[in-house]
Amino acid sequence: MSIELLKDLHLLTREGQLNADARRKLKQIRHLVGLLKPALDDSLARNADPIVVDCGAGKSYLGALLYELVLGPAGKGSLVAIEARPELSEQAANRAARFGQDRFRVATGAIASAALPSRPSVVTALHACDTATDDALALAIAQKADHVAVVPCCQAEVARQLEKAKPSDPAVAALFAHPLHRRELGSHLTNVVRGLALEAHGYKVTVTELVGWEHSAKNELILGKRVNRFDANARATLRALLETFSIEPAIVRILRERGLDPIAAPTAE
């Protein structure tokens, strides 16, 4: 990798050294790029000009290195980094220009309203905060992306819903009677629902660990590859899960608003 690019991303010091924080970030991103490689290779093999969309891009660590390690050497494919904060978008665009990443595009604004040049091949989101991960998943599903990969960050929404839930089964209620358990179960349920929502729309889902827990507490990687139009069993399972815990996570609401209800009877998509 370009040492100067790593310095510009503050993943190396000005002297070209790694500090502890940068080492953790670089390890996470390099490992994620490795796990994404099969999806990227598949997209490059099947498409003349595949589009990779990085949602909630932030400082565009992931986008810059995906371009540096994969799209640049391939000589084809574009990357679109979606970021709501204009100052970060400007930084990413300026960096891409300085380092000759001429197929690196920046879209400033909300994920849901981002204008893409064509159907994305791969949609990613690395530590997009709270429901921004759901926006990324909804974009992938709505656009029928071939592959999706997200590493969720903080997710407190379902824990707040559980606080008001009153399940009829006392064994279920015991799972989140205490605030700490409610927070942990809420986070777990959020990602289970996300995986089921992908499966409901025809994705084969793999859930794995990104890196060792000593490097990041936000360590769950959800990978999806679109293989069918829908999965009726996943829809039934998701419906039962939502009813059991009396929850309606963001991914369900967002998809329903877009006419892509993941628990409704399948229709032509």
Protein backbone atom coordinates (compact mmCIF):
# COMPACT_ATOMS: atom_id res chain seq x y z
CA MET A 1 0.00 0.00 0.00
CA SER A 2 1.05 3.60 -0.52
CA ILE A 3 2.84 4.82 2.58
CA GLU A 4 1.84 8.39 1.74
CA LEU A 5 -1.82 7.39 1.50
CA LEU A 6 -1.64 5.71 4.91
CA LYS A 7 -0.08 8.87 6.33
CA ASP A 8 -2.82 10.99 4.77
CA LEU A 9 -5.43 8.73 6.37
CA HIS A 10 -3.58 9.10 9.70
CA LEU A 11 -3.07 5.36 9.79
CA LEU A 12 0.66 6.07 9.94
CA THR A 13 2.41 8.89 11.75
CA ARG A 14 4.32 11.55 9.80
CA GLU A 15 7.42 9.44 10.38
CA GLY A 16 5.73 6.41 8.84
CA GLN A 17 5.21 4.60 12.15
CA LEU A 18 2.16 2.84 13.59
CA ASN A 19 0.73 3.86 16.94
CA ALA A 20 -1.60 1.56 18.89
CA ASP A 21 -4.85 3.17 17.73
CA ALA A 22 -3.81 3.26 14.08
CA ARG A 23 -2.68 -0.37 14.29
CA ARG A 24 -6.15 -1.41 15.47
CA LYS A 25 -7.89 0.55 12.72
CA LEU A 26 -5.57 -0.70 10.00
CA LYS A 27 -5.93 -4.30 11.17
CA GLN A 28 -9.73 -4.05 11.05
CA ILE A 29 -9.81 -2.48 7.60
CA ARG A 30 -7.22 -4.83 6.08
CA HIS A 31 -9.06 -7.84 7.48
CA LEU A 32 -12.39 -6.53 6.17
CA VAL A 33 -10.89 -5.97 2.72
CA GLY A 34 -9.68 -9.59 2.81
CA LEU A 35 -13.13 -10.87 3.76
CA LEU A 36 -14.68 -8.74 1.01
CA LYS A 37 -12.24 -9.97 -1.63
CA PRO A 38 -14.41 -12.88 -2.87
CA ALA A 39 -17.38 -10.54 -3.36
CA LEU A 40 -15.21 -7.95 -5.08
CA ASP A 41 -13.57 -10.55 -7.33
CA ASP A 42 -17.01 -11.91 -8.25
CA SER A 43 -18.25 -8.43 -9.11
CA LEU A 44 -15.17 -7.61 -11.16
CA ALA A 45 -15.50 -10.88 -13.08
CA ARG A 46 -19.19 -10.43 -13.89
CA ASN A 47 -19.42 -6.69 -14.53
CA ALA A 48 -17.64 -4.41 -16.96
CA ASP A 49 -17.84 -1.52 -14.51
CA PRO A 50 -18.90 -2.70 -11.03
CA ILE A 51 -19.90 -0.11 -8.47
CA VAL A 52 -18.92 -0.41 -4.82
CA VAL A 53 -20.91 1.78 -2.43
CA ASP A 54 -19.47 2.62 1.00
CA CYS A 55 -22.26 3.93 3.22
CA GLY A 56 -21.64 6.24 6.18
CA ALA A 57 -18.09 6.51 4.88
CA GLY A 58 -16.82 8.93 7.55
CA LYS A 59 -13.17 9.64 6.82
CA SER A 60 -13.27 7.03 4.02
CA TYR A 61 -10.60 4.75 5.45
CA LEU A 62 -12.35 1.73 3.95
CA GLY A 63 -13.16 3.33 0.59
CA ALA A 64 -9.64 4.63 0.07
CA LEU A 65 -8.08 1.25 0.83
CA LEU A 66 -10.64 -0.71 -1.22
CA TYR A 67 -9.68 1.45 -4.17
CA GLU A 68 -5.95 1.20 -3.42
CA LEU A 69 -5.92 -2.58 -2.97
CA VAL A 70 -8.65 -3.81 -5.34
CA LEU A 71 -10.25 -1.38 -7.79
CA GLY A 72 -7.07 0.47 -8.68
CA PRO A 73 -5.06 -2.67 -9.59
CA ALA A 74 -8.10 -4.10 -11.43
CA GLY A 75 -8.22 -1.05 -13.69
CA LYS A 76 -12.01 -0.93 -13.60
CA GLY A 77 -14.89 -0.37 -11.23
CA SER A 78 -16.00 2.74 -9.35
CA LEU A 79 -16.39 3.48 -5.67
CA VAL A 80 -19.08 5.79 -4.28
CA ALA A 81 -18.56 7.00 -0.71
CA ILE A 82 -21.77 8.28 0.91
CA GLU A 83 -21.23 10.65 3.84
CA ALA A 84 -23.64 13.11 5.44
CA ARG A 85 -20.98 15.51 6.78
CA PRO A 86 -19.79 17.87 4.02
CA GLU A 87 -16.38 18.47 5.60
CA LEU A 88 -15.58 14.74 5.54
CA SER A 89 -16.89 14.37 2.00
CA GLU A 90 -14.66 17.20 0.87
CA GLN A 91 -11.64 15.65 2.56
CA ALA A 92 -12.31 12.31 0.86
CA ALA A 93 -12.77 13.89 -2.56
CA ASN A 94 -9.57 15.93 -2.21
CA ARG A 95 -7.63 12.87 -1.10
CA ALA A 96 -8.89 10.83 -4.04
CA ALA A 97 -7.77 13.56 -6.42
CA ARG A 98 -4.31 13.81 -4.81
CA PHE A 99 -3.72 10.07 -5.04
CA GLY A 100 -5.07 9.58 -8.55
CA GLN A 101 -8.16 7.64 -7.52
CA ASP A 102 -10.10 8.96 -10.47
CA ARG A 103 -12.97 6.45 -10.15
CA PHE A 104 -13.63 7.43 -6.53
CA ARG A 105 -16.84 9.44 -6.18
CA VAL A 106 -18.31 11.16 -3.13
CA ALA A 107 -22.03 11.60 -2.48
CA THR A 108 -22.80 14.06 0.30
CA GLY A 109 -26.08 13.53 2.13
CA ALA A 110 -28.30 10.84 3.56
CA ILE A 111 -27.82 7.23 2.48
CA ALA A 112 -31.49 6.90 1.59
CA SER A 113 -31.38 9.82 -0.87
CA ALA A 114 -28.02 9.09 -2.50
CA ALA A 115 -28.12 9.08 -6.32
CA LEU A 116 -26.13 6.17 -7.73
CA PRO A 117 -25.03 5.94 -11.37
CA SER A 118 -26.33 2.36 -11.67
CA ARG A 119 -27.13 -0.74 -9.65
CA PRO A 120 -24.39 -1.34 -7.08
CA SER A 121 -22.47 -4.60 -7.11
CA VAL A 122 -21.26 -4.35 -3.51
CA VAL A 123 -22.62 -2.27 -0.62
CA THR A 124 -20.54 -1.84 2.53
CA ALA A 125 -20.82 -0.02 5.84
CA LEU A 126 -18.06 -0.11 8.44
CA HIS A 127 -19.23 1.06 11.87
CA ALA A 128 -22.05 3.20 10.46
CA CYS A 129 -23.64 4.44 13.66
CA ASP A 130 -26.92 3.02 15.01
CA THR A 131 -29.61 2.96 12.29
CA ALA A 132 -27.25 4.15 9.52
CA THR A 133 -26.39 0.46 9.15
CA ASP A 134 -30.08 -0.19 8.45
CA ASP A 135 -30.08 2.53 5.80
CA ALA A 136 -27.14 0.79 4.13
CA LEU A 137 -28.90 -2.59 4.22
CA ALA A 138 -32.10 -1.05 2.85
CA LEU A 139 -30.15 0.56 0.01
CA ALA A 140 -28.57 -2.80 -0.86
CA ILE A 141 -31.93 -4.59 -0.80
CA ALA A 142 -33.80 -1.88 -2.72
CA GLN A 143 -31.08 -1.65 -5.37
CA LYS A 144 -30.69 -5.45 -5.56
CA ALA A 145 -26.98 -5.30 -4.87
CA ASP A 146 -25.18 -8.58 -5.53
CA HIS A 147 -23.25 -8.40 -2.25
CA VAL A 148 -23.56 -6.55 1.05
CA ALA A 149 -21.22 -6.36 4.03
CA VAL A 150 -21.83 -4.39 7.21
CA VAL A 151 -20.05 -4.11 10.54
CA PRO A 152 -22.65 -2.51 12.83
CA CYS A 153 -21.73 0.05 15.45
CA CYS A 154 -23.76 1.31 18.42
CA GLN A 155 -27.36 0.10 18.33
CA ALA A 156 -29.63 1.24 21.13
CA GLU A 157 -32.99 1.42 19.37
CA VAL A 158 -34.24 -2.09 20.15
CA ALA A 159 -33.14 -1.87 23.79
CA ARG A 160 -35.47 1.13 24.15
CA GLN A 161 -38.29 -0.88 22.57
CA LEU A 162 -37.66 -3.81 24.92
CA GLU A 163 -38.00 -1.48 27.89
CA LYS A 164 -41.67 -1.05 26.99
CA ALA A 165 -42.31 -4.64 25.90
CA LYS A 166 -44.45 -6.91 28.06
CA PRO A 167 -44.16 -10.44 26.66
CA SER A 168 -46.69 -12.99 27.88
CA ASP A 169 -44.00 -15.62 28.38
CA PRO A 170 -42.10 -14.97 31.67
CA ALA A 171 -39.08 -16.88 30.35
CA VAL A 172 -38.82 -14.42 27.46
CA ALA A 173 -39.32 -11.46 29.82
CA ALA A 174 -36.46 -12.73 32.01
CA LEU A 175 -34.04 -12.35 29.09
CA PHE A 176 -34.17 -8.55 29.36
CA ALA A 177 -35.42 -7.82 32.87
CA HIS A 178 -32.16 -6.08 33.79
CA PRO A 179 -30.89 -2.95 31.95
CA LEU A 180 -27.51 -4.54 31.10
CA HIS A 181 -29.18 -7.62 29.62
CA ARG A 182 -31.68 -5.41 27.81
CA ARG A 183 -28.87 -3.51 26.13
CA GLU A 184 -26.98 -6.66 25.17
CA LEU A 185 -30.06 -8.53 23.98
CA GLY A 186 -31.23 -5.47 22.07
CA SER A 187 -27.94 -5.30 20.22
CA HIS A 188 -28.04 -9.03 19.46
CA LEU A 189 -31.66 -8.95 18.31
CA THR A 190 -30.92 -5.97 16.06
CA ASN A 191 -28.33 -7.96 14.13
CA VAL A 192 -30.42 -11.13 14.05
CA VAL A 193 -33.28 -9.12 12.52
CA ARG A 194 -30.88 -7.55 10.00
CA GLY A 195 -29.69 -10.97 8.89
CA LEU A 196 -33.24 -12.29 8.58
CA ALA A 197 -34.30 -9.21 6.60
CA LEU A 198 -31.51 -9.91 4.12
CA GLU A 199 -32.51 -13.57 3.91
CA ALA A 200 -36.16 -12.56 3.42
CA HIS A 201 -35.06 -10.72 0.28
CA GLY A 202 -33.07 -13.59 -1.14
CA TYR A 203 -29.59 -13.11 0.34
CA LYS A 204 -27.48 -15.96 1.62
CA VAL A 205 -26.18 -14.61 4.92
CA THR A 206 -22.98 -15.33 6.82
CA VAL A 207 -22.28 -13.80 10.23
CA THR A 208 -18.72 -13.88 11.46
CA GLU A 209 -16.15 -12.13 13.62
CA LEU A 210 -14.24 -9.30 11.98
CA VAL A 211 -11.10 -9.27 14.14
CA GLY A 212 -10.22 -10.33 17.68
CA TRP A 213 -12.32 -8.71 20.41
CA GLU A 214 -9.19 -7.05 21.79
CA HIS A 215 -9.14 -4.82 18.70
CA SER A 216 -12.77 -3.73 18.63
CA ALA A 217 -15.90 -4.27 20.72
CA LYS A 218 -17.98 -3.70 17.55
CA ASN A 219 -16.84 -6.83 15.87
CA GLU A 220 -19.75 -8.54 14.12
CA LEU A 221 -19.61 -8.79 10.34
CA ILE A 222 -22.81 -9.54 8.41
CA LEU A 223 -22.18 -10.70 4.84
CA GLY A 224 -24.91 -11.26 2.26
CA LYS A 225 -24.89 -12.59 -1.30
CA ARG A 226 -28.09 -12.31 -3.35
CA VAL A 227 -29.06 -15.73 -4.64
CA ASN A 228 -32.90 -15.61 -4.83
CA ARG A 229 -35.75 -13.11 -5.04
CA PHE A 230 -37.04 -13.96 -1.56
CA ASP A 231 -37.13 -16.60 1.17
CA ALA A 232 -40.56 -17.39 2.61
CA ASN A 233 -39.15 -19.29 5.60
CA ALA A 234 -36.99 -16.34 6.63
CA ARG A 235 -40.04 -14.07 6.44
CA ALA A 236 -42.03 -16.37 8.71
CA THR A 237 -39.16 -16.64 11.18
CA LEU A 238 -38.69 -12.88 11.24
CA ARG A 239 -42.41 -12.32 11.77
CA ALA A 240 -42.41 -14.72 14.74
CA LEU A 241 -39.32 -13.08 16.26
CA LEU A 242 -40.81 -9.60 16.06
CA GLU A 243 -44.04 -10.80 17.65
CA THR A 244 -42.24 -12.68 20.45
CA PHE A 245 -40.28 -9.64 21.59
CA SER A 246 -42.78 -6.92 20.56
CA ILE A 247 -40.15 -5.02 18.58
CA GLU A 248 -40.02 -3.25 15.22
CA PRO A 249 -36.39 -2.42 14.41
CA ALA A 250 -35.42 0.27 11.91
CA ILE A 251 -34.62 -2.13 9.08
CA VAL A 252 -38.19 -3.47 9.17
CA ARG A 253 -39.74 0.01 9.18
CA ILE A 254 -37.48 1.33 6.44
CA LEU A 255 -38.13 -1.61 4.13
CA ARG A 256 -41.87 -1.47 4.78
CA GLU A 257 -41.91 2.24 3.89
CA ARG A 258 -40.22 1.37 0.59
CA GLY A 259 -42.75 -1.31 -0.26
CA LEU A 260 -40.29 -4.07 0.59
CA ASP A 261 -41.86 -5.41 3.77
CA PRO A 262 -39.60 -8.32 4.88
CA ILE A 263 -42.40 -10.14 6.74
CA ALA A 264 -45.18 -9.79 4.15
CA ALA A 265 -46.11 -12.53 1.72
CA PRO A 266 -43.56 -12.44 -1.14
CA THR A 267 -44.39 -10.53 -4.29
CA ALA A 268 -42.48 -10.11 -7.55
CA GLU A 269 -39.46 -7.92 -6.83
